[in-house]
């Protein structure tokens, strides 16, 4: 039963991560308001927390799940998934830093919104993260079907 609960939680968190990324991408666009920019900051914090929870639940699945460490340790698809998830995490740093900078600017000027060039850069990072998530999901599906 532990394995099932952890698997369900893991999947729900991944879907949540995708939803948070989609909401950020939808809100960060030319013409975004100061209120939307503030909301994006909260979404981005949630994105980071959700990624951390995915990692934590994933570790629990490896150690407490029915397949055991040996299954994962010898599974190249698992390691590909881990690399892609790590790349996603690294790709989230530049937009997070920009969003934090926008928050500081809003404290000085409550009407602050980033310019179009900054918005375009952040949106590119969101797109790259979405592509990395597709790779994570492809590796996860492959991992579940093939060992090694």
N, C-alpha and C. Protein backbone atom coordinates (compact mmCIF):
# COMPACT_ATOMS: atom_id res chain seq x y z
N UNK A 1 0.83 -1.20 0.00
CA UNK A 1 0.00 0.00 0.00
C UNK A 1 0.87 1.26 0.00
N UNK A 2 2.00 1.22 0.68
CA UNK A 2 2.91 2.38 0.72
C UNK A 2 3.35 2.76 -0.69
N UNK A 3 3.71 1.74 -1.47
CA UNK A 3 4.16 1.99 -2.85
C UNK A 3 3.08 2.68 -3.66
N UNK A 4 1.84 2.22 -3.53
CA UNK A 4 0.72 2.82 -4.26
C UNK A 4 0.51 4.28 -3.85
N UNK A 5 0.50 4.54 -2.56
CA UNK A 5 0.29 5.90 -2.06
C UNK A 5 1.40 6.82 -2.55
N UNK A 6 2.64 6.36 -2.48
CA UNK A 6 3.76 7.18 -2.94
C UNK A 6 3.68 7.41 -4.45
N UNK A 7 3.29 6.39 -5.21
CA UNK A 7 3.17 6.54 -6.67
C UNK A 7 2.09 7.56 -7.02
N UNK A 8 0.95 7.47 -6.36
CA UNK A 8 -0.13 8.43 -6.62
C UNK A 8 0.32 9.85 -6.27
N UNK A 9 0.93 10.01 -5.11
CA UNK A 9 1.40 11.34 -4.70
C UNK A 9 2.44 11.89 -5.67
N UNK A 10 3.35 11.01 -6.09
CA UNK A 10 4.40 11.42 -7.04
C UNK A 10 3.79 11.93 -8.34
N UNK A 11 2.82 11.18 -8.86
CA UNK A 11 2.17 11.57 -10.12
C UNK A 11 1.38 12.88 -9.95
N UNK A 12 0.65 13.00 -8.87
CA UNK A 12 -0.11 14.24 -8.64
C UNK A 12 0.82 15.46 -8.55
N UNK A 13 1.95 15.29 -7.89
CA UNK A 13 2.91 16.39 -7.79
C UNK A 13 3.48 16.76 -9.16
N UNK A 14 3.76 15.76 -9.98
CA UNK A 14 4.29 16.07 -11.33
C UNK A 14 3.24 16.82 -12.15
N UNK A 15 1.97 16.39 -12.06
CA UNK A 15 0.92 17.12 -12.77
C UNK A 15 0.79 18.54 -12.21
N UNK A 16 0.94 18.69 -10.91
CA UNK A 16 0.91 20.02 -10.29
C UNK A 16 2.04 20.90 -10.79
N UNK A 17 3.23 20.30 -10.92
CA UNK A 17 4.38 21.05 -11.43
C UNK A 17 4.11 21.55 -12.84
N UNK A 18 3.55 20.68 -13.68
CA UNK A 18 3.22 21.07 -15.06
C UNK A 18 2.20 22.20 -15.05
N UNK A 19 1.20 22.11 -14.18
CA UNK A 19 0.18 23.16 -14.11
C UNK A 19 0.78 24.49 -13.66
N UNK A 20 1.66 24.45 -12.68
CA UNK A 20 2.29 25.69 -12.20
C UNK A 20 3.14 26.32 -13.31
N UNK A 21 3.89 25.49 -14.02
CA UNK A 21 4.71 26.01 -15.13
C UNK A 21 3.82 26.62 -16.21
N UNK A 22 2.72 25.96 -16.51
CA UNK A 22 1.79 26.49 -17.53
C UNK A 22 1.18 27.81 -17.07
N UNK A 23 0.83 27.92 -15.80
CA UNK A 23 0.26 29.18 -15.30
C UNK A 23 1.28 30.30 -15.35
N UNK A 24 2.53 29.99 -14.98
CA UNK A 24 3.56 31.02 -15.07
C UNK A 24 3.73 31.49 -16.51
N UNK A 25 3.81 30.53 -17.42
CA UNK A 25 3.99 30.88 -18.83
C UNK A 25 2.81 31.68 -19.37
N UNK A 26 1.61 31.38 -18.89
CA UNK A 26 0.43 32.11 -19.36
C UNK A 26 0.41 33.54 -18.83
N UNK A 27 0.91 33.75 -17.62
CA UNK A 27 0.86 35.08 -17.02
C UNK A 27 2.02 35.98 -17.42
N UNK A 28 3.20 35.39 -17.63
CA UNK A 28 4.37 36.19 -18.00
C UNK A 28 4.29 36.44 -19.51
N UNK A 29 3.78 37.60 -19.84
CA UNK A 29 3.60 37.96 -21.25
C UNK A 29 3.56 39.48 -21.35
N UNK A 30 3.81 40.00 -22.52
CA UNK A 30 3.72 41.45 -22.68
C UNK A 30 2.33 41.93 -22.24
N UNK A 31 2.31 43.03 -21.53
CA UNK A 31 1.06 43.58 -21.05
C UNK A 31 0.66 43.06 -19.68
N UNK A 32 1.51 42.23 -19.10
CA UNK A 32 1.19 41.70 -17.77
C UNK A 32 1.13 42.85 -16.78
N UNK A 33 0.20 42.75 -15.85
CA UNK A 33 0.02 43.80 -14.84
C UNK A 33 0.93 43.57 -13.65
N UNK A 34 1.04 44.59 -12.81
CA UNK A 34 1.83 44.47 -11.59
C UNK A 34 1.24 43.38 -10.68
N UNK A 35 -0.08 43.28 -10.63
CA UNK A 35 -0.73 42.24 -9.81
C UNK A 35 -0.41 40.85 -10.35
N UNK A 36 -0.40 40.71 -11.67
CA UNK A 36 -0.05 39.42 -12.26
C UNK A 36 1.42 39.08 -11.97
N UNK A 37 2.28 40.08 -12.03
CA UNK A 37 3.70 39.86 -11.74
C UNK A 37 3.87 39.40 -10.29
N UNK A 38 3.11 39.98 -9.38
CA UNK A 38 3.17 39.56 -7.97
C UNK A 38 2.67 38.12 -7.82
N UNK A 39 1.62 37.77 -8.54
CA UNK A 39 1.09 36.42 -8.48
C UNK A 39 2.09 35.41 -9.05
N UNK A 40 2.78 35.79 -10.11
CA UNK A 40 3.80 34.92 -10.71
C UNK A 40 4.88 34.61 -9.67
N UNK A 41 5.20 35.57 -8.85
CA UNK A 41 6.20 35.34 -7.81
C UNK A 41 5.75 34.23 -6.86
N UNK A 42 4.49 34.25 -6.48
CA UNK A 42 3.96 33.20 -5.61
C UNK A 42 3.88 31.86 -6.34
N UNK A 43 3.49 31.89 -7.60
CA UNK A 43 3.47 30.65 -8.39
C UNK A 43 4.87 30.05 -8.49
N UNK A 44 5.86 30.90 -8.71
CA UNK A 44 7.23 30.42 -8.85
C UNK A 44 7.73 29.79 -7.56
N UNK A 45 7.36 30.36 -6.42
CA UNK A 45 7.71 29.75 -5.13
C UNK A 45 7.04 28.38 -5.00
N UNK A 46 5.79 28.30 -5.42
CA UNK A 46 5.08 27.02 -5.40
C UNK A 46 5.71 26.00 -6.32
N UNK A 47 6.20 26.46 -7.46
CA UNK A 47 6.88 25.60 -8.43
C UNK A 47 8.12 24.98 -7.78
N UNK A 48 8.90 25.81 -7.11
CA UNK A 48 10.10 25.32 -6.44
C UNK A 48 9.77 24.33 -5.33
N UNK A 49 8.76 24.65 -4.54
CA UNK A 49 8.35 23.75 -3.47
C UNK A 49 7.84 22.42 -4.03
N UNK A 50 7.08 22.49 -5.10
CA UNK A 50 6.55 21.28 -5.71
C UNK A 50 7.68 20.41 -6.26
N UNK A 51 8.66 21.03 -6.89
CA UNK A 51 9.81 20.28 -7.40
C UNK A 51 10.54 19.58 -6.25
N UNK A 52 10.69 20.28 -5.14
CA UNK A 52 11.33 19.67 -3.97
C UNK A 52 10.53 18.50 -3.43
N UNK A 53 9.20 18.65 -3.40
CA UNK A 53 8.34 17.55 -2.95
C UNK A 53 8.42 16.35 -3.89
N UNK A 54 8.49 16.62 -5.20
CA UNK A 54 8.63 15.53 -6.18
C UNK A 54 9.90 14.75 -5.89
N UNK A 55 10.97 15.47 -5.65
CA UNK A 55 12.25 14.83 -5.35
C UNK A 55 12.16 14.02 -4.06
N UNK A 56 11.56 14.60 -3.03
CA UNK A 56 11.43 13.91 -1.75
C UNK A 56 10.59 12.65 -1.85
N UNK A 57 9.44 12.75 -2.50
CA UNK A 57 8.57 11.59 -2.66
C UNK A 57 9.25 10.55 -3.56
N UNK A 58 9.97 11.02 -4.57
CA UNK A 58 10.70 10.09 -5.43
C UNK A 58 11.75 9.31 -4.65
N UNK A 59 12.45 9.98 -3.76
CA UNK A 59 13.44 9.29 -2.92
C UNK A 59 12.74 8.25 -2.04
N UNK A 60 11.59 8.62 -1.49
CA UNK A 60 10.82 7.65 -0.68
C UNK A 60 10.38 6.45 -1.52
N UNK A 61 10.02 6.71 -2.77
CA UNK A 61 9.62 5.59 -3.65
C UNK A 61 10.79 4.65 -3.90
N UNK A 62 11.98 5.22 -4.07
CA UNK A 62 13.16 4.38 -4.31
C UNK A 62 13.44 3.53 -3.07
N UNK A 63 13.37 4.11 -1.90
CA UNK A 63 13.75 3.39 -0.67
C UNK A 63 12.62 2.56 -0.08
N UNK A 64 11.38 3.02 -0.17
CA UNK A 64 10.27 2.32 0.47
C UNK A 64 9.35 1.59 -0.51
N UNK A 65 9.52 1.87 -1.78
CA UNK A 65 8.64 1.27 -2.79
C UNK A 65 8.94 -0.19 -3.03
N UNK A 66 8.06 -0.83 -3.76
CA UNK A 66 8.14 -2.28 -3.96
C UNK A 66 9.29 -2.70 -4.89
N UNK A 67 9.76 -1.80 -5.75
CA UNK A 67 10.82 -2.19 -6.70
C UNK A 67 12.20 -2.23 -6.06
N UNK A 68 12.43 -1.36 -5.08
CA UNK A 68 13.71 -1.37 -4.39
C UNK A 68 14.82 -0.65 -5.14
N UNK A 69 15.86 -0.33 -4.41
CA UNK A 69 16.99 0.44 -4.93
C UNK A 69 17.66 -0.24 -6.12
N UNK A 70 17.80 -1.55 -6.08
CA UNK A 70 18.51 -2.24 -7.15
C UNK A 70 17.86 -2.02 -8.52
N UNK A 71 16.53 -1.99 -8.54
CA UNK A 71 15.82 -1.74 -9.79
C UNK A 71 16.22 -0.37 -10.36
N UNK A 72 16.25 0.63 -9.52
CA UNK A 72 16.55 1.99 -9.97
C UNK A 72 18.04 2.16 -10.27
N UNK A 73 18.89 1.61 -9.43
CA UNK A 73 20.33 1.79 -9.59
C UNK A 73 20.83 1.27 -10.92
N UNK A 74 20.22 0.19 -11.41
CA UNK A 74 20.66 -0.42 -12.66
C UNK A 74 19.83 -0.01 -13.87
N UNK A 75 18.96 0.96 -13.70
CA UNK A 75 18.04 1.35 -14.76
C UNK A 75 18.52 2.65 -15.42
N UNK A 76 19.05 2.54 -16.61
CA UNK A 76 19.58 3.73 -17.30
C UNK A 76 18.48 4.75 -17.60
N UNK A 77 17.25 4.28 -17.78
CA UNK A 77 16.13 5.20 -18.02
C UNK A 77 15.86 6.06 -16.78
N UNK A 78 16.01 5.45 -15.61
CA UNK A 78 15.86 6.19 -14.35
C UNK A 78 16.90 7.30 -14.29
N UNK A 79 18.14 6.97 -14.60
CA UNK A 79 19.19 8.00 -14.52
C UNK A 79 19.00 9.08 -15.58
N UNK A 80 18.49 8.69 -16.75
CA UNK A 80 18.15 9.70 -17.76
C UNK A 80 17.08 10.64 -17.24
N UNK A 81 16.08 10.06 -16.56
CA UNK A 81 15.01 10.86 -15.97
C UNK A 81 15.57 11.81 -14.92
N UNK A 82 16.48 11.32 -14.10
CA UNK A 82 17.08 12.16 -13.06
C UNK A 82 17.89 13.31 -13.67
N UNK A 83 18.62 13.01 -14.72
CA UNK A 83 19.41 14.06 -15.40
C UNK A 83 18.47 15.11 -16.00
N UNK A 84 17.41 14.65 -16.65
CA UNK A 84 16.46 15.60 -17.25
C UNK A 84 15.77 16.44 -16.18
N UNK A 85 15.42 15.81 -15.05
CA UNK A 85 14.78 16.56 -13.96
C UNK A 85 15.78 17.57 -13.37
N UNK A 86 17.04 17.16 -13.23
CA UNK A 86 18.07 18.08 -12.76
C UNK A 86 18.26 19.25 -13.72
N UNK A 87 18.23 18.95 -15.02
CA UNK A 87 18.35 20.02 -16.02
C UNK A 87 17.18 20.98 -15.91
N UNK A 88 16.00 20.42 -15.67
CA UNK A 88 14.81 21.27 -15.47
C UNK A 88 15.03 22.22 -14.30
N UNK A 89 15.57 21.66 -13.21
CA UNK A 89 15.85 22.48 -12.03
C UNK A 89 16.84 23.59 -12.35
N UNK A 90 17.88 23.27 -13.07
CA UNK A 90 18.87 24.30 -13.44
C UNK A 90 18.25 25.36 -14.35
N UNK A 91 17.36 24.92 -15.24
CA UNK A 91 16.70 25.86 -16.15
C UNK A 91 15.71 26.77 -15.41
N UNK A 92 15.31 26.38 -14.23
CA UNK A 92 14.37 27.21 -13.48
C UNK A 92 15.07 28.35 -12.74
N UNK A 93 16.39 28.28 -12.64
CA UNK A 93 17.13 29.31 -11.89
C UNK A 93 17.05 30.68 -12.55
N UNK A 94 17.39 30.82 -13.85
CA UNK A 94 17.34 32.16 -14.46
C UNK A 94 15.98 32.85 -14.35
N UNK A 95 14.86 32.18 -14.67
CA UNK A 95 13.59 32.88 -14.52
C UNK A 95 13.28 33.22 -13.07
N UNK A 96 13.63 32.33 -12.15
CA UNK A 96 13.38 32.62 -10.73
C UNK A 96 14.16 33.86 -10.30
N UNK A 97 15.40 33.96 -10.72
CA UNK A 97 16.20 35.15 -10.37
C UNK A 97 15.57 36.42 -10.94
N UNK A 98 15.06 36.34 -12.17
CA UNK A 98 14.41 37.51 -12.78
C UNK A 98 13.13 37.85 -12.01
N UNK A 99 12.36 36.85 -11.65
CA UNK A 99 11.10 37.08 -10.93
C UNK A 99 11.38 37.69 -9.57
N UNK A 100 12.44 37.24 -8.89
CA UNK A 100 12.82 37.83 -7.60
C UNK A 100 13.23 39.29 -7.81
N UNK A 101 13.97 39.57 -8.87
CA UNK A 101 14.38 40.94 -9.18
C UNK A 101 13.16 41.81 -9.44
N UNK A 102 12.17 41.27 -10.14
CA UNK A 102 10.93 42.02 -10.40
C UNK A 102 10.23 42.34 -9.09
N UNK A 103 10.24 41.41 -8.16
CA UNK A 103 9.61 41.64 -6.86
C UNK A 103 10.27 42.78 -6.11
N UNK A 104 11.59 42.81 -6.16
CA UNK A 104 12.32 43.92 -5.52
C UNK A 104 11.96 45.25 -6.18
N UNK A 105 11.88 45.23 -7.50
CA UNK A 105 11.53 46.46 -8.23
C UNK A 105 10.11 46.91 -7.88
N UNK A 106 9.21 45.97 -7.67
CA UNK A 106 7.82 46.33 -7.29
C UNK A 106 7.76 46.96 -5.90
N UNK A 107 8.67 46.57 -5.02
CA UNK A 107 8.68 47.20 -3.69
C UNK A 107 9.06 48.67 -3.79
N UNK A 108 9.90 49.00 -4.75
CA UNK A 108 10.27 50.40 -4.98
C UNK A 108 9.20 51.13 -5.77
N UNK A 109 8.67 50.44 -6.78
CA UNK A 109 7.64 51.02 -7.65
C UNK A 109 6.50 50.01 -7.79
N UNK A 110 5.41 50.16 -7.03
CA UNK A 110 4.32 49.18 -7.05
C UNK A 110 3.71 48.94 -8.44
N UNK A 111 3.92 49.85 -9.36
CA UNK A 111 3.38 49.68 -10.72
C UNK A 111 4.38 49.00 -11.66
N UNK A 112 5.54 48.59 -11.14
CA UNK A 112 6.58 48.01 -11.99
C UNK A 112 6.09 46.77 -12.72
N UNK A 113 6.40 46.73 -14.00
CA UNK A 113 6.26 45.52 -14.80
C UNK A 113 7.52 45.41 -15.66
N UNK A 114 8.01 44.21 -15.90
CA UNK A 114 9.22 44.04 -16.69
C UNK A 114 9.00 44.42 -18.15
N UNK A 115 10.10 44.77 -18.80
CA UNK A 115 9.98 45.13 -20.22
C UNK A 115 9.84 43.88 -21.08
N UNK A 116 9.51 44.11 -22.33
CA UNK A 116 9.21 43.01 -23.26
C UNK A 116 10.39 42.07 -23.46
N UNK A 117 11.61 42.62 -23.46
CA UNK A 117 12.79 41.77 -23.67
C UNK A 117 12.98 40.80 -22.50
N UNK A 118 12.79 41.29 -21.29
CA UNK A 118 12.91 40.41 -20.11
C UNK A 118 11.82 39.36 -20.12
N UNK A 119 10.63 39.75 -20.47
CA UNK A 119 9.52 38.80 -20.54
C UNK A 119 9.83 37.71 -21.56
N UNK A 120 10.35 38.09 -22.70
CA UNK A 120 10.69 37.11 -23.74
C UNK A 120 11.75 36.13 -23.26
N UNK A 121 12.77 36.63 -22.53
CA UNK A 121 13.82 35.74 -22.01
C UNK A 121 13.24 34.74 -21.02
N UNK A 122 12.42 35.22 -20.11
CA UNK A 122 11.82 34.33 -19.11
C UNK A 122 10.91 33.31 -19.77
N UNK A 123 10.16 33.74 -20.76
CA UNK A 123 9.27 32.80 -21.47
C UNK A 123 10.07 31.71 -22.20
N UNK A 124 11.24 32.07 -22.74
CA UNK A 124 12.09 31.05 -23.38
C UNK A 124 12.51 29.99 -22.36
N UNK A 125 12.88 30.43 -21.16
CA UNK A 125 13.25 29.47 -20.12
C UNK A 125 12.07 28.58 -19.75
N UNK A 126 10.87 29.15 -19.69
CA UNK A 126 9.69 28.33 -19.40
C UNK A 126 9.50 27.27 -20.50
N UNK A 127 9.69 27.66 -21.74
CA UNK A 127 9.57 26.72 -22.84
C UNK A 127 10.59 25.59 -22.76
N UNK A 128 11.82 25.94 -22.40
CA UNK A 128 12.85 24.92 -22.26
C UNK A 128 12.53 23.97 -21.11
N UNK A 129 11.99 24.51 -20.04
CA UNK A 129 11.59 23.64 -18.92
C UNK A 129 10.46 22.70 -19.34
N UNK A 130 9.54 23.20 -20.12
CA UNK A 130 8.44 22.36 -20.60
C UNK A 130 8.97 21.23 -21.48
N UNK A 131 9.94 21.53 -22.32
CA UNK A 131 10.55 20.48 -23.15
C UNK A 131 11.27 19.46 -22.28
N UNK A 132 11.97 19.93 -21.26
CA UNK A 132 12.66 19.02 -20.35
C UNK A 132 11.65 18.13 -19.62
N UNK A 133 10.49 18.70 -19.27
CA UNK A 133 9.46 17.90 -18.61
C UNK A 133 8.95 16.80 -19.53
N UNK A 134 8.83 17.08 -20.81
CA UNK A 134 8.43 16.05 -21.77
C UNK A 134 9.46 14.92 -21.76
N UNK A 135 10.73 15.27 -21.71
CA UNK A 135 11.80 14.26 -21.65
C UNK A 135 11.69 13.46 -20.36
N UNK A 136 11.47 14.14 -19.23
CA UNK A 136 11.30 13.45 -17.94
C UNK A 136 10.17 12.43 -18.05
N UNK A 137 9.04 12.85 -18.58
CA UNK A 137 7.88 11.96 -18.69
C UNK A 137 8.15 10.80 -19.64
N UNK A 138 8.86 11.06 -20.74
CA UNK A 138 9.20 9.98 -21.68
C UNK A 138 10.12 8.96 -21.01
N UNK A 139 11.11 9.45 -20.28
CA UNK A 139 11.99 8.53 -19.55
C UNK A 139 11.23 7.75 -18.49
N UNK A 140 10.30 8.42 -17.80
CA UNK A 140 9.52 7.74 -16.75
C UNK A 140 8.70 6.61 -17.35
N UNK A 141 8.06 6.87 -18.47
CA UNK A 141 7.23 5.85 -19.11
C UNK A 141 8.10 4.70 -19.61
N UNK A 142 9.26 5.02 -20.16
CA UNK A 142 10.17 3.99 -20.66
C UNK A 142 10.73 3.18 -19.50
N UNK A 143 11.09 3.88 -18.43
CA UNK A 143 11.64 3.24 -17.24
C UNK A 143 10.67 2.22 -16.66
N UNK A 144 9.39 2.55 -16.67
CA UNK A 144 8.38 1.66 -16.11
C UNK A 144 8.20 0.39 -16.94
N UNK A 145 8.68 0.42 -18.18
CA UNK A 145 8.47 -0.73 -19.06
C UNK A 145 9.72 -1.55 -19.32
N UNK A 146 10.88 -0.90 -19.19
CA UNK A 146 12.15 -1.58 -19.50
C UNK A 146 13.14 -1.34 -18.39
N UNK A 147 13.76 -2.36 -17.93
CA UNK A 147 14.85 -2.21 -16.95
C UNK A 147 16.16 -2.09 -17.72
N UNK A 148 17.10 -1.36 -17.13
CA UNK A 148 18.45 -1.29 -17.69
C UNK A 148 18.68 -0.32 -18.74
